[in-house]
C-alpha atoms as a PDB file:
ATOM      1  CA  MET A   1      31.290  37.252 171.733  1.00  0.00           C
ATOM      2  CA  ARG A   2      31.216  40.219 174.368  1.00  0.00           C
ATOM      3  CA  SER A   3      33.235  40.436 176.889  1.00  0.00           C
ATOM      4  CA  LEU A   4      32.276  39.291 180.245  1.00  0.00           C
ATOM      5  CA  SER A   5      32.804  42.742 181.980  1.00  0.00           C
ATOM      6  CA  SER A   6      30.731  44.419 179.384  1.00  0.00           C
ATOM      7  CA  ILE A   7      27.862  42.192 179.842  1.00  0.00           C
ATOM      8  CA  ALA A   8      28.269  43.054 183.707  1.00  0.00           C
ATOM      9  CA  GLU A   9      28.139  46.508 183.174  1.00  0.00           C
ATOM     10  CA  GLU A  10      24.955  46.008 180.994  1.00  0.00           C
ATOM     11  CA  MET A  11      23.584  44.170 183.825  1.00  0.00           C
ATOM     12  CA  CYS A  12      24.551  46.741 186.575  1.00  0.00           C
ATOM     13  CA  LEU A  13      22.089  49.178 184.413  1.00  0.00           C
ATOM     14  CA  TYR A  14      19.284  46.553 184.398  1.00  0.00           C
ATOM     15  CA  LEU A  15      19.520  46.573 187.803  1.00  0.00           C
ATOM     16  CA  GLY A  16      19.143  50.331 188.494  1.00  0.00           C
ATOM     17  CA  ARG A  17      22.415  50.510 189.471  1.00  0.00           C
ATOM     18  CA  ARG A  18      24.033  53.106 187.398  1.00  0.00           C
ATOM     19  CA  LYS A  19      25.639  54.799 190.198  1.00  0.00           C
ATOM     20  CA  ASP A  20      27.462  51.901 191.436  1.00  0.00           C
ATOM     21  CA  ILE A  21      29.100  49.992 188.227  1.00  0.00           C
ATOM     22  CA  ASP A  22      32.513  50.016 189.223  1.00  0.00           C
ATOM     23  CA  ALA A  23      31.844  48.830 192.656  1.00  0.00           C
ATOM     24  CA  LEU A  24      29.315  46.224 191.375  1.00  0.00           C
ATOM     25  CA  ARG A  25      30.659  44.972 188.191  1.00  0.00           C
ATOM     26  CA  PRO A  26      33.168  42.657 189.815  1.00  0.00           C
ATOM     27  CA  VAL A  27      30.658  41.049 192.198  1.00  0.00           C
ATOM     28  CA  ILE A  28      28.402  40.670 188.779  1.00  0.00           C
ATOM     29  CA  GLU A  29      31.411  39.023 187.321  1.00  0.00           C
ATOM     30  CA  ARG A  30      32.094  36.614 189.798  1.00  0.00           C
ATOM     31  CA  ARG A  31      28.301  35.816 189.824  1.00  0.00           C
ATOM     32  CA  ILE A  32      28.625  34.911 186.396  1.00  0.00           C
ATOM     33  CA  GLU A  33      31.850  32.915 186.770  1.00  0.00           C
ATOM     34  CA  ASP A  34      30.004  31.123 189.549  1.00  0.00           C
ATOM     35  CA  LEU A  35      27.092  30.306 187.291  1.00  0.00           C
ATOM     36  CA  LEU A  36      29.596  29.121 184.790  1.00  0.00           C
ATOM     37  CA  TRP A  37      31.046  26.635 187.271  1.00  0.00           C
ATOM     38  CA  ILE A  38      27.441  25.227 187.613  1.00  0.00           C
ATOM     39  CA  ARG A  39      27.454  25.077 184.017  1.00  0.00           C
ATOM     40  CA  SER A  40      30.313  22.870 183.731  1.00  0.00           C
ATOM     41  CA  SER A  41      28.055  20.359 185.585  1.00  0.00           C
ATOM     42  CA  ALA A  42      24.881  20.827 183.878  1.00  0.00           C
ATOM     43  CA  ASP A  43      26.579  20.313 180.347  1.00  0.00           C
ATOM     44  CA  GLN A  44      27.102  16.670 182.020  1.00  0.00           C
ATOM     45  CA  LEU A  45      23.270  15.930 182.938  1.00  0.00           C
ATOM     46  CA  ARG A  46      21.808  13.387 180.803  1.00  0.00           C
ATOM     47  CA  ASN A  47      18.281  13.304 182.562  1.00  0.00           C
ATOM     48  CA  GLY A  48      17.210  16.014 184.645  1.00  0.00           C
ATOM     49  CA  ARG A  49      14.210  14.654 186.004  1.00  0.00           C
ATOM     50  CA  ALA A  50      15.997  11.748 187.526  1.00  0.00           C
ATOM     51  CA  THR A  51      18.575  14.265 189.088  1.00  0.00           C
ATOM     52  CA  SER A  52      15.466  16.256 190.725  1.00  0.00           C
ATOM     53  CA  LYS A  53      14.042  12.976 191.983  1.00  0.00           C
ATOM     54  CA  LEU A  54      17.228  12.084 193.650  1.00  0.00           C
ATOM     55  CA  ALA A  55      17.642  15.421 195.075  1.00  0.00           C
ATOM     56  CA  ALA A  56      14.120  15.296 196.464  1.00  0.00           C
ATOM     57  CA  GLU A  57      15.035  11.629 197.947  1.00  0.00           C
ATOM     58  CA  ALA A  58      17.983  13.123 199.689  1.00  0.00           C
ATOM     59  CA  ARG A  59      15.938  16.054 201.466  1.00  0.00           C
ATOM     60  CA  ARG A  60      13.809  13.162 202.685  1.00  0.00           C
ATOM     61  CA  ASP A  61      16.755  11.517 203.817  1.00  0.00           C
ATOM     62  CA  LEU A  62      17.977  14.639 205.149  1.00  0.00           C
ATOM     63  CA  ASP A  63      14.816  15.093 207.412  1.00  0.00           C
ATOM     64  CA  VAL A  64      15.145  11.396 208.468  1.00  0.00           C
ATOM     65  CA  LEU A  65      18.750  12.209 209.740  1.00  0.00           C
ATOM     66  CA  ARG A  66      17.620  15.669 211.594  1.00  0.00           C
ATOM     67  CA  ARG A  67      15.098  13.984 213.283  1.00  0.00           C
ATOM     68  CA  LYS A  68      17.610  11.145 214.558  1.00  0.00           C
ATOM     69  CA  LEU A  69      20.424  13.256 215.088  1.00  0.00           C
ATOM     70  CA  SER A  70      17.931  15.545 217.562  1.00  0.00           C
ATOM     71  CA  THR A  71      17.203  12.074 219.566  1.00  0.00           C
ATOM     72  CA  LEU A  72      21.294  11.681 220.592  1.00  0.00           C
ATOM     73  CA  PRO A  73      22.212  12.145 224.166  1.00  0.00           C
ATOM     74  CA  VAL A  74      25.401  13.763 223.090  1.00  0.00           C
ATOM     75  CA  ALA A  75      25.877  16.288 220.268  1.00  0.00           C
ATOM     76  CA  PRO A  76      27.556  14.675 217.094  1.00  0.00           C
ATOM     77  CA  ALA A  77      29.494  17.774 216.966  1.00  0.00           C
ATOM     78  CA  GLU A  78      31.971  16.934 219.478  1.00  0.00           C
ATOM     79  CA  PHE A  79      32.749  13.983 217.313  1.00  0.00           C
ATOM     80  CA  VAL A  80      32.616  15.226 213.690  1.00  0.00           C
ATOM     81  CA  GLU A  81      32.890  18.516 211.990  1.00  0.00           C
ATOM     82  CA  PRO A  82      29.313  20.068 211.969  1.00  0.00           C
ATOM     83  CA  VAL A  83      27.570  20.314 208.880  1.00  0.00           C
ATOM     84  CA  ASP A  84      24.660  23.260 208.048  1.00  0.00           C
ATOM     85  CA  LEU A  85      21.776  20.749 206.980  1.00  0.00           C
ATOM     86  CA  ALA A  86      19.807  24.112 206.353  1.00  0.00           C
ATOM     87  CA  LYS A  87      22.227  24.965 203.507  1.00  0.00           C
ATOM     88  CA  LEU A  88      22.580  21.328 202.644  1.00  0.00           C
ATOM     89  CA  ASP A  89      18.757  21.241 202.292  1.00  0.00           C
ATOM     90  CA  LYS A  90      18.555  24.530 200.644  1.00  0.00           C
ATOM     91  CA  GLY A  91      20.936  23.368 197.804  1.00  0.00           C
ATOM     92  CA  LEU A  92      18.987  20.224 197.219  1.00  0.00           C
ATOM     93  CA  GLN A  93      15.806  22.267 197.024  1.00  0.00           C
ATOM     94  CA  TRP A  94      17.135  24.324 194.292  1.00  0.00           C
ATOM     95  CA  VAL A  95      18.637  21.171 192.566  1.00  0.00           C
ATOM     96  CA  GLU A  96      15.361  19.508 192.558  1.00  0.00           C
ATOM     97  CA  ARG A  97      13.499  22.575 191.423  1.00  0.00           C
ATOM     98  CA  VAL A  98      16.110  23.624 188.491  1.00  0.00           C
ATOM     99  CA  TYR A  99      17.069  19.793 187.109  1.00  0.00           C
ATOM    100  CA  GLY A 100      13.086  19.002 187.569  1.00  0.00           C
ATOM    101  CA  SER A 101      10.919  18.928 184.639  1.00  0.00           C
ATOM    102  CA  GLY A 102       9.386  22.216 185.855  1.00  0.00           C
ATOM    103  CA  PRO A 103       6.587  23.494 184.726  1.00  0.00           C
ATOM    104  CA  ASP A 104       7.546  24.491 181.149  1.00  0.00           C
ATOM    105  CA  PRO A 105       9.492  21.423 179.449  1.00  0.00           C
ATOM    106  CA  ARG A 106      10.733  23.369 176.837  1.00  0.00           C
ATOM    107  CA  SER A 107      12.891  25.369 178.860  1.00  0.00           C
ATOM    108  CA  GLY A 108      16.359  23.528 179.417  1.00  0.00           C
ATOM    109  CA  VAL A 109      18.346  23.239 182.739  1.00  0.00           C
ATOM    110  CA  LEU A 110      20.715  26.033 181.324  1.00  0.00           C
ATOM    111  CA  GLN A 111      17.889  28.658 180.754  1.00  0.00           C
ATOM    112  CA  ARG A 112      16.323  27.477 184.390  1.00  0.00           C
ATOM    113  CA  ILE A 113      19.786  28.104 185.632  1.00  0.00           C
ATOM    114  CA  CYS A 114      19.917  31.341 184.361  1.00  0.00           C
ATOM    115  CA  ALA A 115      16.376  32.494 185.133  1.00  0.00           C
ATOM    116  CA  VAL A 116      17.370  31.337 189.063  1.00  0.00           C
ATOM    117  CA  GLY A 117      20.611  33.180 188.959  1.00  0.00           C
ATOM    118  CA  ALA A 118      19.037  36.421 187.392  1.00  0.00           C
ATOM    119  CA  ARG A 119      16.570  36.376 190.399  1.00  0.00           C
ATOM    120  CA  GLY A 120      19.091  35.965 192.791  1.00  0.00           C
ATOM    121  CA  LEU A 121      20.866  38.778 191.355  1.00  0.00           C
ATOM    122  CA  ILE A 122      17.696  41.115 191.234  1.00  0.00           C
ATOM    123  CA  LEU A 123      17.161  39.583 195.013  1.00  0.00           C
ATOM    124  CA  GLU A 124      20.435  41.312 195.941  1.00  0.00           C
ATOM    125  CA  PHE A 125      20.766  44.050 194.317  1.00  0.00           C
ATOM    126  CA  ALA A 126      17.722  45.689 192.804  1.00  0.00           C
ATOM    127  CA  LYS A 127      15.340  47.822 194.355  1.00  0.00           C
ATOM    128  CA  GLN A 128      12.146  45.530 193.894  1.00  0.00           C
ATOM    129  CA  ALA A 129      11.652  41.866 193.869  1.00  0.00           C
ATOM    130  CA  PRO A 130      11.565  39.752 190.666  1.00  0.00           C
ATOM    131  CA  LYS A 131       8.397  39.765 188.798  1.00  0.00           C
ATOM    132  CA  LYS A 132       7.541  39.127 185.089  1.00  0.00           C
ATOM    133  CA  SER A 133       9.218  42.207 183.551  1.00  0.00           C
ATOM    134  CA  SER A 134      11.686  43.010 181.202  1.00  0.00           C
ATOM    135  CA  GLN A 135      13.903  43.879 183.725  1.00  0.00           C
ATOM    136  CA  TYR A 136      14.229  39.955 184.824  1.00  0.00           C
ATOM    137  CA  TYR A 137      14.005  38.887 181.146  1.00  0.00           C
ATOM    138  CA  ASN A 138      17.194  41.043 180.396  1.00  0.00           C
ATOM    139  CA  VAL A 139      19.280  39.926 183.123  1.00  0.00           C
ATOM    140  CA  ALA A 140      18.534  36.322 182.340  1.00  0.00           C
ATOM    141  CA  ALA A 141      19.464  36.846 178.881  1.00  0.00           C
ATOM    142  CA  LEU A 142      22.915  38.461 179.560  1.00  0.00           C
ATOM    143  CA  LEU A 143      23.221  35.804 182.101  1.00  0.00           C
ATOM    144  CA  TYR A 144      22.625  33.411 179.123  1.00  0.00           C
ATOM    145  CA  GLU A 145      24.736  35.130 176.699  1.00  0.00           C
ATOM    146  CA  ALA A 146      27.875  35.159 179.340  1.00  0.00           C
ATOM    147  CA  MET A 147      27.384  31.507 179.343  1.00  0.00           C
ATOM    148  CA  THR A 148      27.063  30.720 175.884  1.00  0.00           C
ATOM    149  CA  GLY A 149      27.900  33.487 173.586  1.00  0.00           C
ATOM    150  CA  LYS A 150      24.406  33.619 172.264  1.00  0.00           C
ATOM    151  CA  GLN A 151      21.631  35.600 172.631  1.00  0.00           C
ATOM    152  CA  GLN A 152      18.048  34.231 173.334  1.00  0.00           C
ATOM    153  CA  SER A 153      14.706  35.236 175.411  1.00  0.00           C
ATOM    154  CA  LEU A 154      14.533  33.520 178.642  1.00  0.00           C
ATOM    155  CA  LYS A 155      10.893  35.069 179.046  1.00  0.00           C
ATOM    156  CA  ARG A 156       9.330  31.109 179.506  1.00  0.00           C
ATOM    157  CA  ALA A 157      11.915  30.053 181.676  1.00  0.00           C
ATOM    158  CA  CYS A 158      11.944  33.154 183.955  1.00  0.00           C
ATOM    159  CA  ASP A 159       7.941  33.168 184.028  1.00  0.00           C
ATOM    160  CA  ALA A 160       8.460  29.239 184.855  1.00  0.00           C
ATOM    161  CA  GLU A 161      10.723  30.285 187.646  1.00  0.00           C
ATOM    162  CA  LEU A 162       8.399  32.391 189.475  1.00  0.00           C
ATOM    163  CA  ASP A 163       5.262  30.576 188.842  1.00  0.00           C
ATOM    164  CA  THR A 164       6.941  27.436 190.872  1.00  0.00           C
ATOM    165  CA  TRP A 165       7.501  30.140 193.622  1.00  0.00           C
ATOM    166  CA  THR A 166       5.355  29.061 196.727  1.00  0.00           C
ATOM    167  CA  PRO A 167       3.409  31.697 199.427  1.00  0.00           C
ATOM    168  CA  GLU A 168       6.464  30.635 201.908  1.00  0.00           C
ATOM    169  CA  LEU A 169       9.339  31.331 199.416  1.00  0.00           C
ATOM    170  CA  LEU A 170       7.557  34.642 198.576  1.00  0.00           C
ATOM    171  CA  GLU A 171       7.169  35.356 202.401  1.00  0.00           C
ATOM    172  CA  HIS A 172      10.807  34.420 203.177  1.00  0.00           C
ATOM    173  CA  ASN A 173      11.921  36.430 200.204  1.00  0.00           C
ATOM    174  CA  GLU A 174      10.064  39.683 201.500  1.00  0.00           C
ATOM    175  CA  ARG A 175      11.673  39.422 205.041  1.00  0.00           C
ATOM    176  CA  ALA A 176      15.149  38.859 203.691  1.00  0.00           C
ATOM    177  CA  ARG A 177      14.580  42.077 201.610  1.00  0.00           C
ATOM    178  CA  SER A 178      13.363  43.835 204.441  1.00  0.00           C
ATOM    179  CA  ILE A 179      16.066  43.171 206.626  1.00  0.00           C
ATOM    180  CA  LYS A 180      18.207  44.184 203.990  1.00  0.00           C
ATOM    181  CA  ARG A 181      17.198  47.567 203.894  1.00  0.00           C
END
Protein backbone atom coordinates (compact mmCIF):
# COMPACT_ATOMS: atom_id res chain seq x y z
CA MET A 1 0.00 0.00 0.00
CA ARG A 2 1.35 3.40 -0.99
CA SER A 3 1.81 6.17 1.54
CA LEU A 4 -0.68 8.98 1.87
CA SER A 5 2.11 11.41 1.00
CA SER A 6 2.94 9.73 -2.32
CA ILE A 7 -0.76 9.57 -3.27
CA ALA A 8 -1.17 13.26 -2.38
CA GLU A 9 1.91 14.13 -4.44
CA GLU A 10 0.54 12.30 -7.49
CA MET A 11 -2.80 14.05 -6.97
CA CYS A 12 -1.02 17.43 -7.07
CA LEU A 13 0.36 16.51 -10.49
CA TYR A 14 -3.11 15.59 -11.79
CA LEU A 15 -4.42 18.89 -10.45
CA GLY A 16 -1.78 20.71 -12.51
CA ARG A 17 0.03 22.03 -9.46
CA ARG A 18 3.57 20.67 -10.01
CA LYS A 19 5.17 23.90 -8.75
CA ASP A 20 3.08 23.91 -5.57
CA ILE A 21 3.62 20.29 -4.52
CA ASP A 22 5.42 21.05 -1.25
CA ALA A 23 2.78 23.54 -0.11
CA LEU A 24 -0.22 21.64 -1.45
CA ARG A 25 0.69 18.10 -0.35
CA PRO A 26 -0.22 18.64 3.35
CA VAL A 27 -3.52 20.27 2.35
CA ILE A 28 -4.41 17.34 0.10
CA GLU A 29 -3.36 14.89 2.84
CA ARG A 30 -5.72 16.64 5.25
CA ARG A 31 -8.59 16.40 2.75
CA ILE A 32 -7.90 12.69 2.35
CA GLU A 33 -7.92 12.28 6.15
CA ASP A 34 -11.30 14.06 6.25
CA LEU A 35 -12.66 11.61 3.68
CA LEU A 36 -11.24 8.71 5.71
CA TRP A 37 -13.24 10.01 8.66
CA ILE A 38 -16.38 10.14 6.49
CA ARG A 39 -15.62 6.61 5.33
CA SER A 40 -15.76 5.33 8.90
CA SER A 41 -19.45 6.25 9.04
CA ALA A 42 -20.10 5.07 5.47
CA ASP A 43 -18.81 1.60 6.39
CA GLN A 44 -21.56 1.36 9.00
CA LEU A 45 -24.23 2.29 6.48
CA ARG A 46 -26.67 -0.52 5.85
CA ASN A 47 -29.22 1.21 3.64
CA GLY A 48 -28.07 4.21 1.61
CA ARG A 49 -31.49 4.83 0.14
CA ALA A 50 -33.04 5.12 3.62
CA THR A 51 -30.29 7.53 4.69
CA SER A 52 -30.90 9.64 1.60
CA LYS A 53 -34.62 9.69 2.33
CA LEU A 54 -34.00 10.78 5.93
CA ALA A 55 -31.70 13.57 4.73
CA ALA A 56 -34.40 14.78 2.30
CA GLU A 57 -36.97 14.76 5.12
CA ALA A 58 -34.55 16.66 7.37
CA ARG A 59 -34.07 19.29 4.63
CA ARG A 60 -37.86 19.74 4.39
CA ASP A 61 -38.05 20.06 8.19
CA LEU A 62 -35.23 22.61 8.02
CA ASP A 63 -37.27 24.69 5.55
CA VAL A 64 -40.23 24.59 7.94
CA LEU A 65 -37.93 25.66 10.78
CA ARG A 66 -36.59 28.57 8.71
CA ARG A 67 -40.11 29.81 8.01
CA LYS A 68 -41.13 29.52 11.67
CA LEU A 69 -37.98 31.29 12.87
CA SER A 70 -38.64 34.16 10.48
CA THR A 71 -42.04 34.81 12.11
CA LEU A 72 -40.70 35.05 15.67
CA PRO A 73 -40.93 38.53 17.17
CA VAL A 74 -37.55 38.11 18.85
CA ALA A 75 -34.36 36.64 17.39
CA PRO A 76 -33.64 33.16 18.80
CA ALA A 77 -29.91 33.92 18.68
CA GLU A 78 -30.43 35.96 21.85
CA PHE A 79 -31.25 32.75 23.73
CA VAL A 80 -29.32 29.98 21.97
CA GLU A 81 -26.07 29.61 20.12
CA PRO A 82 -26.64 30.46 16.42
CA VAL A 83 -26.70 27.62 13.90
CA ASP A 84 -25.62 28.07 10.31
CA LEU A 85 -28.78 26.74 8.64
CA ALA A 86 -27.34 27.18 5.15
CA LYS A 87 -24.33 25.04 6.02
CA LEU A 88 -26.58 22.43 7.61
CA ASP A 89 -28.79 22.39 4.51
CA LYS A 90 -25.75 21.99 2.25
CA GLY A 91 -24.51 19.07 4.37
CA LEU A 92 -27.90 17.38 4.25
CA GLN A 93 -28.05 17.90 0.49
CA TRP A 94 -24.65 16.24 0.18
CA VAL A 95 -25.76 13.27 2.32
CA GLU A 96 -28.95 12.97 0.29
CA ARG A 97 -27.04 12.85 -2.99
CA VAL A 98 -24.10 10.68 -1.91
CA TYR A 99 -26.05 8.10 0.05
CA GLY A 100 -28.98 7.99 -2.34
CA SER A 101 -29.34 5.41 -5.03
CA GLY A 102 -27.86 7.84 -7.54
CA PRO A 103 -28.12 7.56 -11.27
CA ASP A 104 -26.08 4.35 -11.33
CA PRO A 105 -26.67 1.91 -8.46
CA ARG A 106 -23.55 -0.05 -9.45
CA SER A 107 -21.47 2.70 -7.80
CA GLY A 108 -21.17 2.15 -4.09
CA VAL A 109 -21.30 4.80 -1.38
CA LEU A 110 -17.51 4.86 -0.98
CA GLN A 111 -17.04 5.32 -4.72
CA ARG A 112 -19.51 8.23 -4.71
CA ILE A 113 -17.76 9.78 -1.71
CA CYS A 114 -14.50 9.65 -3.68
CA ALA A 115 -16.18 11.15 -6.77
CA VAL A 116 -17.61 14.01 -4.69
CA GLY A 117 -14.26 14.49 -2.93
CA ALA A 118 -12.40 14.58 -6.25
CA ARG A 119 -14.87 17.13 -7.60
CA GLY A 120 -14.22 19.32 -4.55
CA LEU A 121 -10.44 19.08 -4.93
CA ILE A 122 -10.62 19.94 -8.63
CA LEU A 123 -12.94 22.86 -7.93
CA GLU A 124 -10.55 24.20 -5.33
CA PHE A 125 -7.13 23.53 -6.81
CA ALA A 126 -7.34 22.92 -10.58
CA LYS A 127 -7.53 25.57 -13.26
CA GLN A 128 -10.67 24.14 -14.88
CA ALA A 129 -13.96 22.93 -13.45
CA PRO A 130 -14.39 19.16 -13.22
CA LYS A 131 -15.63 17.45 -16.34
CA LYS A 132 -15.76 13.92 -17.66
CA SER A 133 -12.02 13.58 -18.15
CA SER A 134 -9.01 11.56 -17.09
CA GLN A 135 -8.06 14.28 -14.58
CA TYR A 136 -11.31 13.79 -12.65
CA TYR A 137 -11.22 9.99 -12.93
CA ASN A 138 -7.58 9.82 -11.77
CA VAL A 139 -8.06 12.12 -8.76
CA ALA A 140 -11.10 10.07 -7.69
CA ALA A 141 -9.18 6.81 -8.18
CA LEU A 142 -6.32 8.15 -6.04
CA LEU A 143 -8.78 9.06 -3.28
CA TYR A 144 -10.20 5.55 -3.47
CA GLU A 145 -6.71 4.08 -3.28
CA ALA A 146 -5.92 6.22 -0.24
CA MET A 147 -9.09 5.00 1.45
CA THR A 148 -8.96 1.32 0.55
CA GLY A 149 -5.42 0.53 -0.59
CA LYS A 150 -6.93 -0.77 -3.85
CA GLN A 151 -6.66 0.71 -7.32
CA GLN A 152 -9.95 0.92 -9.16
CA SER A 153 -11.50 2.97 -11.93
CA LEU A 154 -14.21 5.32 -10.68
CA LYS A 155 -15.31 6.54 -14.11
CA ARG A 156 -18.90 5.40 -13.56
CA ALA A 157 -19.17 7.08 -10.15
CA CYS A 158 -17.56 10.30 -11.44
CA ASP A 159 -19.83 10.44 -14.49
CA ALA A 160 -22.87 9.81 -12.28
CA GLU A 161 -21.79 12.60 -9.91
CA LEU A 162 -21.43 15.11 -12.74
CA ASP A 163 -24.74 13.99 -14.26
CA THR A 164 -26.55 14.87 -11.01
CA TRP A 165 -25.45 18.50 -11.17
CA THR A 166 -28.35 20.85 -11.67
CA PRO A 167 -28.06 24.07 -13.71
CA GLU A 168 -28.23 26.02 -10.42
CA LEU A 169 -25.32 24.06 -8.98
CA LEU A 170 -23.28 24.59 -12.13
CA GLU A 171 -24.01 28.34 -12.05
CA HIS A 172 -23.06 28.53 -8.35
CA ASN A 173 -19.85 26.65 -9.13
CA GLU A 174 -18.90 29.09 -11.90
CA ARG A 175 -19.61 32.09 -9.64
CA ALA A 176 -17.46 30.57 -6.88
CA ARG A 177 -14.59 29.89 -9.32
CA SER A 178 -14.69 33.47 -10.66
CA ILE A 179 -14.54 34.90 -7.12
CA LYS A 180 -11.58 32.66 -6.28
CA ARG A 181 -9.51 33.91 -9.26
